[in-house]
Amino acid sequence: MNEKRVYTFGNGKAEGNAQMREVLGGKGANLAEMNLIGVPVPPGFTITTDTCNEYYEVGEEKIKELLQDEVMAAVAHTEA
């Protein structure tokens, strides 16, 4: 799996949208969409549903390793 695992949102911008419910889950897709339509939602990020499934395949330690860079970048985005 070499695809994006973490999607950010905040300040009226979002990497996802409501049509990405399969990827982001219901809450993640709705938070992204609310940002895009101007609802004041605090910045944050969503880890994809595929990553959850991948966790069951590769285990906790491997997922931590795979997610570390993307999560740290998303946290920096949220802090900014």
Protein backbone atom coordinates (compact mmCIF):
# COMPACT_ATOMS: atom_id res chain seq x y z
CA MET A 1 0.00 0.00 0.00
CA ASN A 2 1.74 3.17 -1.19
CA GLU A 3 -1.20 5.53 -1.15
CA LYS A 4 -1.90 8.50 1.07
CA ARG A 5 -2.92 7.49 4.60
CA VAL A 6 -3.52 10.89 6.24
CA TYR A 7 -5.74 13.73 4.97
CA THR A 8 -5.71 17.20 6.56
CA PHE A 9 -8.42 19.83 6.89
CA GLY A 10 -8.67 23.31 8.37
CA ASN A 11 -8.90 27.03 7.64
CA GLY A 12 -11.42 26.52 4.86
CA LYS A 13 -9.30 23.94 3.02
CA ALA A 14 -9.43 20.15 2.98
CA GLU A 15 -7.65 17.37 1.16
CA GLY A 16 -10.87 15.35 1.16
CA ASN A 17 -14.58 15.94 0.59
CA ALA A 18 -18.01 14.36 1.16
CA GLN A 19 -17.60 12.02 -1.82
CA MET A 20 -14.62 10.36 -0.10
CA ARG A 21 -16.73 8.63 2.58
CA GLU A 22 -15.28 5.20 1.66
CA VAL A 23 -11.74 6.51 2.17
CA LEU A 24 -12.20 8.90 5.11
CA GLY A 25 -15.14 7.34 6.90
CA GLY A 26 -18.30 9.30 7.65
CA LYS A 27 -16.84 11.67 10.24
CA GLY A 28 -13.68 12.38 8.27
CA ALA A 29 -15.59 13.08 5.06
CA ASN A 30 -18.05 15.34 6.86
CA LEU A 31 -15.31 17.32 8.64
CA ALA A 32 -13.56 17.87 5.31
CA GLU A 33 -16.80 18.95 3.64
CA MET A 34 -17.72 21.32 6.50
CA ASN A 35 -14.35 23.03 6.05
CA LEU A 36 -14.91 23.38 2.33
CA ILE A 37 -18.33 25.04 2.78
CA GLY A 38 -17.08 27.46 5.43
CA VAL A 39 -18.26 25.92 8.71
CA PRO A 40 -15.72 26.90 11.41
CA VAL A 41 -14.14 23.54 12.22
CA PRO A 42 -10.80 23.43 14.05
CA PRO A 43 -7.91 22.13 11.91
CA GLY A 44 -7.19 18.43 12.10
CA PHE A 45 -6.56 15.27 10.13
CA THR A 46 -8.14 11.93 9.32
CA ILE A 47 -6.39 8.58 9.00
CA THR A 48 -7.98 6.55 6.21
CA THR A 49 -10.21 3.53 6.68
CA ASP A 50 -7.80 1.50 4.51
CA THR A 51 -5.10 2.18 7.09
CA CYS A 52 -7.33 0.62 9.74
CA ASN A 53 -7.66 -2.50 7.61
CA GLU A 54 -3.92 -2.45 6.95
CA TYR A 55 -3.32 -2.38 10.73
CA TYR A 56 -4.99 -5.79 11.01
CA GLU A 57 -2.76 -7.14 8.24
CA VAL A 58 0.64 -5.79 9.33
CA GLY A 59 0.26 -5.07 13.04
CA GLU A 60 0.71 -2.12 15.35
CA GLU A 61 4.46 -1.61 15.09
CA LYS A 62 4.51 -1.62 11.28
CA ILE A 63 1.54 0.79 11.09
CA LYS A 64 3.28 3.17 13.49
CA GLU A 65 6.34 3.08 11.24
CA LEU A 66 4.27 3.62 8.08
CA LEU A 67 2.23 6.47 9.56
CA GLN A 68 4.91 8.38 11.46
CA ASP A 69 6.00 10.84 8.76
CA GLU A 70 2.47 11.58 7.52
CA VAL A 71 1.07 12.01 11.03
CA MET A 72 3.92 14.31 12.07
CA ALA A 73 3.33 16.45 8.97
CA ALA A 74 -0.42 16.53 9.72
CA VAL A 75 0.24 17.55 13.33
CA ALA A 76 2.51 20.36 12.11
CA HIS A 77 -0.25 21.46 9.72
CA THR A 78 -2.75 21.43 12.58
CA GLU A 79 -0.45 23.41 14.86
CA ALA A 80 0.14 26.05 12.17
